[in-house]
């Protein structure tokens, strides 16, 4: 599993996940819709922490700077 996410991409994912989490905790989103968004937020956060996005692979996308 080769990292394919740059720093900006990872930070944006973490911010979006935090916003969704806060909206859910404070009751602005709820029900099935809220749970689906929390799951999406968890996936965003996890992929940001790991630095790998599986959806980028089939399209050959990498937001990471080239080394060397």
PDB file of N, CA and C in Angstrom:
ATOM      1  N   UNK A   1       0.858  -1.168   0.000  1.00  0.00           N
ATOM      2  CA  UNK A   1       0.000   0.000   0.000  1.00  0.00           C
ATOM      3  C   UNK A   1       0.906   1.233   0.000  1.00  0.00           C
ATOM      4  N   UNK A   2       1.059   1.828  -1.165  1.00  0.00           N
ATOM      5  CA  UNK A   2       1.913   2.994  -1.332  1.00  0.00           C
ATOM      6  C   UNK A   2       1.102   4.261  -1.066  1.00  0.00           C
ATOM      7  N   UNK A   3       1.651   5.167  -0.281  1.00  0.00           N
ATOM      8  CA  UNK A   3       0.947   6.409   0.039  1.00  0.00           C
ATOM      9  C   UNK A   3       0.706   7.211  -1.237  1.00  0.00           C
ATOM     10  N   UNK A   4      -0.516   7.755  -1.365  1.00  0.00           N
ATOM     11  CA  UNK A   4      -0.844   8.525  -2.553  1.00  0.00           C
ATOM     12  C   UNK A   4      -1.559   9.841  -2.226  1.00  0.00           C
ATOM     13  N   UNK A   5      -1.434  10.284  -0.978  1.00  0.00           N
ATOM     14  CA  UNK A   5      -2.096  11.519  -0.557  1.00  0.00           C
ATOM     15  C   UNK A   5      -1.069  12.500  -0.009  1.00  0.00           C
ATOM     16  N   UNK A   6      -1.191  13.747  -0.463  1.00  0.00           N
ATOM     17  CA  UNK A   6      -0.316  14.807   0.019  1.00  0.00           C
ATOM     18  C   UNK A   6      -0.827  15.399   1.321  1.00  0.00           C
ATOM     19  N   UNK A   7      -0.046  16.302   1.861  1.00  0.00           N
ATOM     20  CA  UNK A   7      -0.369  16.914   3.150  1.00  0.00           C
ATOM     21  C   UNK A   7      -1.665  17.713   3.109  1.00  0.00           C
ATOM     22  N   UNK A   8      -1.844  18.518   2.075  1.00  0.00           N
ATOM     23  CA  UNK A   8      -3.053  19.341   1.975  1.00  0.00           C
ATOM     24  C   UNK A   8      -4.289  18.463   1.885  1.00  0.00           C
ATOM     25  N   UNK A   9      -4.222  17.412   1.085  1.00  0.00           N
ATOM     26  CA  UNK A   9      -5.338  16.472   0.944  1.00  0.00           C
ATOM     27  C   UNK A   9      -5.685  15.852   2.298  1.00  0.00           C
ATOM     28  N   UNK A  10      -4.668  15.470   3.049  1.00  0.00           N
ATOM     29  CA  UNK A  10      -4.882  14.832   4.345  1.00  0.00           C
ATOM     30  C   UNK A  10      -5.501  15.802   5.353  1.00  0.00           C
ATOM     31  N   UNK A  11      -5.032  17.052   5.352  1.00  0.00           N
ATOM     32  CA  UNK A  11      -5.562  18.058   6.272  1.00  0.00           C
ATOM     33  C   UNK A  11      -7.021  18.380   5.946  1.00  0.00           C
ATOM     34  N   UNK A  12      -7.330  18.518   4.662  1.00  0.00           N
ATOM     35  CA  UNK A  12      -8.711  18.796   4.258  1.00  0.00           C
ATOM     36  C   UNK A  12      -9.640  17.670   4.688  1.00  0.00           C
ATOM     37  N   UNK A  13      -9.205  16.434   4.519  1.00  0.00           N
ATOM     38  CA  UNK A  13     -10.023  15.289   4.942  1.00  0.00           C
ATOM     39  C   UNK A  13     -10.262  15.308   6.457  1.00  0.00           C
ATOM     40  N   UNK A  14      -9.236  15.643   7.222  1.00  0.00           N
ATOM     41  CA  UNK A  14      -9.374  15.694   8.679  1.00  0.00           C
ATOM     42  C   UNK A  14     -10.331  16.808   9.095  1.00  0.00           C
ATOM     43  N   UNK A  15     -10.247  17.950   8.436  1.00  0.00           N
ATOM     44  CA  UNK A  15     -11.138  19.072   8.756  1.00  0.00           C
ATOM     45  C   UNK A  15     -12.582  18.724   8.431  1.00  0.00           C
ATOM     46  N   UNK A  16     -12.815  18.139   7.264  1.00  0.00           N
ATOM     47  CA  UNK A  16     -14.174  17.750   6.875  1.00  0.00           C
ATOM     48  C   UNK A  16     -14.728  16.712   7.843  1.00  0.00           C
ATOM     49  N   UNK A  17     -13.900  15.739   8.236  1.00  0.00           N
ATOM     50  CA  UNK A  17     -14.340  14.716   9.188  1.00  0.00           C
ATOM     51  C   UNK A  17     -14.685  15.345  10.538  1.00  0.00           C
ATOM     52  N   UNK A  18     -13.883  16.307  10.981  1.00  0.00           N
ATOM     53  CA  UNK A  18     -14.150  16.978  12.261  1.00  0.00           C
ATOM     54  C   UNK A  18     -15.446  17.780  12.202  1.00  0.00           C
ATOM     55  N   UNK A  19     -15.690  18.445  11.091  1.00  0.00           N
ATOM     56  CA  UNK A  19     -16.922  19.226  10.939  1.00  0.00           C
ATOM     57  C   UNK A  19     -18.139  18.312  10.961  1.00  0.00           C
ATOM     58  N   UNK A  20     -18.079  17.212  10.226  1.00  0.00           N
ATOM     59  CA  UNK A  20     -19.198  16.265  10.215  1.00  0.00           C
ATOM     60  C   UNK A  20     -19.420  15.689  11.612  1.00  0.00           C
ATOM     61  N   UNK A  21     -18.329  15.337  12.285  1.00  0.00           N
ATOM     62  CA  UNK A  21     -18.445  14.809  13.645  1.00  0.00           C
ATOM     63  C   UNK A  21     -19.084  15.802  14.596  1.00  0.00           C
ATOM     64  N   UNK A  22     -18.669  17.066  14.504  1.00  0.00           N
ATOM     65  CA  UNK A  22     -19.234  18.105  15.371  1.00  0.00           C
ATOM     66  C   UNK A  22     -20.716  18.326  15.075  1.00  0.00           C
ATOM     67  N   UNK A  23     -21.079  18.339  13.802  1.00  0.00           N
ATOM     68  CA  UNK A  23     -22.491  18.497  13.436  1.00  0.00           C
ATOM     69  C   UNK A  23     -23.341  17.368  13.993  1.00  0.00           C
ATOM     70  N   UNK A  24     -22.788  16.158  13.996  1.00  0.00           N
ATOM     71  CA  UNK A  24     -23.533  15.014  14.525  1.00  0.00           C
ATOM     72  C   UNK A  24     -23.647  15.102  16.049  1.00  0.00           C
ATOM     73  N   UNK A  25     -22.552  15.422  16.708  1.00  0.00           N
ATOM     74  CA  UNK A  25     -22.543  15.490  18.172  1.00  0.00           C
ATOM     75  C   UNK A  25     -23.494  16.568  18.685  1.00  0.00           C
ATOM     76  N   UNK A  26     -23.517  17.712  18.007  1.00  0.00           N
ATOM     77  CA  UNK A  26     -24.364  18.811  18.460  1.00  0.00           C
ATOM     78  C   UNK A  26     -25.794  18.737  17.928  1.00  0.00           C
ATOM     79  N   UNK A  27     -26.118  17.684  17.204  1.00  0.00           N
ATOM     80  CA  UNK A  27     -27.494  17.426  16.809  1.00  0.00           C
ATOM     81  C   UNK A  27     -27.984  18.128  15.556  1.00  0.00           C
ATOM     82  N   UNK A  28     -27.082  18.705  14.772  1.00  0.00           N
ATOM     83  CA  UNK A  28     -27.507  19.358  13.538  1.00  0.00           C
ATOM     84  C   UNK A  28     -27.843  18.346  12.446  1.00  0.00           C
ATOM     85  N   UNK A  29     -27.209  17.185  12.501  1.00  0.00           N
ATOM     86  CA  UNK A  29     -27.567  16.079  11.615  1.00  0.00           C
ATOM     87  C   UNK A  29     -27.872  14.875  12.491  1.00  0.00           C
ATOM     88  N   UNK A  30     -28.861  14.101  12.091  1.00  0.00           N
ATOM     89  CA  UNK A  30     -29.243  12.951  12.910  1.00  0.00           C
ATOM     90  C   UNK A  30     -29.903  11.899  12.031  1.00  0.00           C
ATOM     91  N   UNK A  31     -30.299  10.826  12.659  1.00  0.00           N
ATOM     92  CA  UNK A  31     -30.978   9.749  11.957  1.00  0.00           C
ATOM     93  C   UNK A  31     -30.047   8.972  11.051  1.00  0.00           C
ATOM     94  N   UNK A  32     -30.641   8.326  10.069  1.00  0.00           N
ATOM     95  CA  UNK A  32     -29.870   7.508   9.134  1.00  0.00           C
ATOM     96  C   UNK A  32     -28.881   8.374   8.358  1.00  0.00           C
ATOM     97  N   UNK A  33     -29.326   9.552   7.946  1.00  0.00           N
ATOM     98  CA  UNK A  33     -28.459  10.475   7.221  1.00  0.00           C
ATOM     99  C   UNK A  33     -27.228  10.829   8.052  1.00  0.00           C
ATOM    100  N   UNK A  34     -27.426  11.090   9.324  1.00  0.00           N
ATOM    101  CA  UNK A  34     -26.325  11.424  10.216  1.00  0.00           C
ATOM    102  C   UNK A  34     -25.355  10.276  10.383  1.00  0.00           C
ATOM    103  N   UNK A  35     -25.891   9.083  10.519  1.00  0.00           N
ATOM    104  CA  UNK A  35     -25.031   7.905  10.680  1.00  0.00           C
ATOM    105  C   UNK A  35     -24.214   7.657   9.422  1.00  0.00           C
ATOM    106  N   UNK A  36     -24.832   7.808   8.257  1.00  0.00           N
ATOM    107  CA  UNK A  36     -24.107   7.634   6.991  1.00  0.00           C
ATOM    108  C   UNK A  36     -22.984   8.664   6.891  1.00  0.00           C
ATOM    109  N   UNK A  37     -23.263   9.913   7.262  1.00  0.00           N
ATOM    110  CA  UNK A  37     -22.221  10.943   7.212  1.00  0.00           C
ATOM    111  C   UNK A  37     -21.101  10.670   8.213  1.00  0.00           C
ATOM    112  N   UNK A  38     -21.436  10.140   9.373  1.00  0.00           N
ATOM    113  CA  UNK A  38     -20.399   9.809  10.361  1.00  0.00           C
ATOM    114  C   UNK A  38     -19.507   8.680   9.840  1.00  0.00           C
ATOM    115  N   UNK A  39     -20.092   7.714   9.168  1.00  0.00           N
ATOM    116  CA  UNK A  39     -19.293   6.622   8.579  1.00  0.00           C
ATOM    117  C   UNK A  39     -18.370   7.183   7.497  1.00  0.00           C
ATOM    118  N   UNK A  40     -18.897   8.069   6.666  1.00  0.00           N
ATOM    119  CA  UNK A  40     -18.070   8.699   5.639  1.00  0.00           C
ATOM    120  C   UNK A  40     -16.951   9.506   6.289  1.00  0.00           C
ATOM    121  N   UNK A  41     -17.261  10.229   7.359  1.00  0.00           N
ATOM    122  CA  UNK A  41     -16.253  11.004   8.077  1.00  0.00           C
ATOM    123  C   UNK A  41     -15.166  10.090   8.644  1.00  0.00           C
ATOM    124  N   UNK A  42     -15.572   8.942   9.155  1.00  0.00           N
ATOM    125  CA  UNK A  42     -14.597   7.989   9.705  1.00  0.00           C
ATOM    126  C   UNK A  42     -13.664   7.474   8.608  1.00  0.00           C
ATOM    127  N   UNK A  43     -14.217   7.196   7.447  1.00  0.00           N
ATOM    128  CA  UNK A  43     -13.400   6.733   6.321  1.00  0.00           C
ATOM    129  C   UNK A  43     -12.442   7.839   5.880  1.00  0.00           C
ATOM    130  N   UNK A  44     -12.936   9.065   5.807  1.00  0.00           N
ATOM    131  CA  UNK A  44     -12.078  10.196   5.438  1.00  0.00           C
ATOM    132  C   UNK A  44     -10.936  10.361   6.439  1.00  0.00           C
ATOM    133  N   UNK A  45     -11.264  10.300   7.711  1.00  0.00           N
ATOM    134  CA  UNK A  45     -10.253  10.457   8.750  1.00  0.00           C
ATOM    135  C   UNK A  45      -9.221   9.323   8.697  1.00  0.00           C
ATOM    136  N   UNK A  46      -9.697   8.104   8.562  1.00  0.00           N
ATOM    137  CA  UNK A  46      -8.788   6.955   8.506  1.00  0.00           C
ATOM    138  C   UNK A  46      -7.867   7.033   7.290  1.00  0.00           C
ATOM    139  N   UNK A  47      -8.426   7.359   6.137  1.00  0.00           N
ATOM    140  CA  UNK A  47      -7.584   7.456   4.939  1.00  0.00           C
ATOM    141  C   UNK A  47      -6.603   8.617   5.063  1.00  0.00           C
ATOM    142  N   UNK A  48      -7.012   9.691   5.721  1.00  0.00           N
ATOM    143  CA  UNK A  48      -6.100  10.807   5.945  1.00  0.00           C
ATOM    144  C   UNK A  48      -4.956  10.447   6.871  1.00  0.00           C
ATOM    145  N   UNK A  49      -5.256   9.683   7.891  1.00  0.00           N
ATOM    146  CA  UNK A  49      -4.214   9.250   8.833  1.00  0.00           C
ATOM    147  C   UNK A  49      -3.229   8.296   8.155  1.00  0.00           C
ATOM    148  N   UNK A  50      -3.778   7.361   7.377  1.00  0.00           N
ATOM    149  CA  UNK A  50      -2.936   6.367   6.704  1.00  0.00           C
ATOM    150  C   UNK A  50      -2.166   6.993   5.540  1.00  0.00           C
ATOM    151  N   UNK A  51      -2.800   7.952   4.855  1.00  0.00           N
ATOM    152  CA  UNK A  51      -2.151   8.575   3.705  1.00  0.00           C
ATOM    153  C   UNK A  51      -2.391   7.836   2.410  1.00  0.00           C
ATOM    154  N   UNK A  52      -3.395   6.972   2.400  1.00  0.00           N
ATOM    155  CA  UNK A  52      -3.694   6.164   1.222  1.00  0.00           C
ATOM    156  C   UNK A  52      -5.186   6.213   0.938  1.00  0.00           C
ATOM    157  N   UNK A  53      -5.543   6.531  -0.298  1.00  0.00           N
ATOM    158  CA  UNK A  53      -6.940   6.545  -0.714  1.00  0.00           C
ATOM    159  C   UNK A  53      -7.130   5.485  -1.802  1.00  0.00           C
ATOM    160  N   UNK A  54      -7.900   4.431  -1.516  1.00  0.00           N
ATOM    161  CA  UNK A  54      -8.076   3.371  -2.508  1.00  0.00           C
ATOM    162  C   UNK A  54      -8.818   3.832  -3.763  1.00  0.00           C
ATOM    163  N   UNK A  55      -9.610   4.890  -3.670  1.00  0.00           N
ATOM    164  CA  UNK A  55     -10.318   5.383  -4.853  1.00  0.00           C
ATOM    165  C   UNK A  55      -9.381   6.085  -5.831  1.00  0.00           C
ATOM    166  N   UNK A  56      -8.221   6.513  -5.380  1.00  0.00           N
ATOM    167  CA  UNK A  56      -7.253   7.155  -6.261  1.00  0.00           C
ATOM    168  C   UNK A  56      -6.549   6.144  -7.170  1.00  0.00           C
ATOM    169  N   UNK A  57      -6.427   4.904  -6.725  1.00  0.00           N
ATOM    170  CA  UNK A  57      -5.633   3.901  -7.432  1.00  0.00           C
ATOM    171  C   UNK A  57      -6.155   3.620  -8.849  1.00  0.00           C
ATOM    172  N   UNK A  58      -7.445   3.331  -9.051  1.00  0.00           N
ATOM    173  CA  UNK A  58      -7.892   3.017 -10.416  1.00  0.00           C
ATOM    174  C   UNK A  58      -7.724   4.174 -11.400  1.00  0.00           C
ATOM    175  N   UNK A  59      -7.721   5.389 -10.884  1.00  0.00           N
ATOM    176  CA  UNK A  59      -7.599   6.560 -11.738  1.00  0.00           C
ATOM    177  C   UNK A  59      -6.159   7.068 -11.851  1.00  0.00           C
ATOM    178  N   UNK A  60      -5.258   6.456 -11.115  1.00  0.00           N
ATOM    179  CA  UNK A  60      -3.854   6.850 -11.152  1.00  0.00           C
ATOM    180  C   UNK A  60      -3.595   8.227 -10.549  1.00  0.00           C
ATOM    181  N   UNK A  61      -4.419   8.623  -9.599  1.00  0.00           N
ATOM    182  CA  UNK A  61      -4.293   9.935  -8.969  1.00  0.00           C
ATOM    183  C   UNK A  61      -3.343   9.840  -7.773  1.00  0.00           C
ATOM    184  N   UNK A  62      -2.513  10.849  -7.630  1.00  0.00           N
ATOM    185  CA  UNK A  62      -1.669  10.977  -6.453  1.00  0.00           C
ATOM    186  C   UNK A  62      -1.509  12.471  -6.151  1.00  0.00           C
ATOM    187  N   UNK A  63      -1.820  12.874  -4.939  1.00  0.00           N
ATOM    188  CA  UNK A  63      -1.640  14.267  -4.551  1.00  0.00           C
ATOM    189  C   UNK A  63      -0.344  14.454  -3.773  1.00  0.00           C
ATOM    190  N   UNK A  64       0.423  13.397  -3.688  1.00  0.00           N
ATOM    191  CA  UNK A  64       1.700  13.448  -2.979  1.00  0.00           C
ATOM    192  C   UNK A  64       2.775  14.009  -3.901  1.00  0.00           C
ATOM    193  N   UNK A  65       3.684  14.785  -3.332  1.00  0.00           N
ATOM    194  CA  UNK A  65       4.780  15.351  -4.117  1.00  0.00           C
ATOM    195  C   UNK A  65       5.695  14.236  -4.592  1.00  0.00           C
ATOM    196  N   UNK A  66       6.239  14.435  -5.764  1.00  0.00           N
ATOM    197  CA  UNK A  66       7.178  13.458  -6.321  1.00  0.00           C
ATOM    198  C   UNK A  66       8.488  13.521  -5.560  1.00  0.00           C
ATOM    199  N   UNK A  67       9.005  12.343  -5.224  1.00  0.00           N
ATOM    200  CA  UNK A  67      10.275  12.265  -4.502  1.00  0.00           C
ATOM    201  C   UNK A  67      11.420  12.204  -5.503  1.00  0.00           C
ATOM    202  N   UNK A  68      12.523  12.791  -5.138  1.00  0.00           N
ATOM    203  CA  UNK A  68      13.713  12.685  -5.964  1.00  0.00           C
ATOM    204  C   UNK A  68      13.860  13.842  -6.834  1.00  0.00           C
TER     205      UNK A  68
END
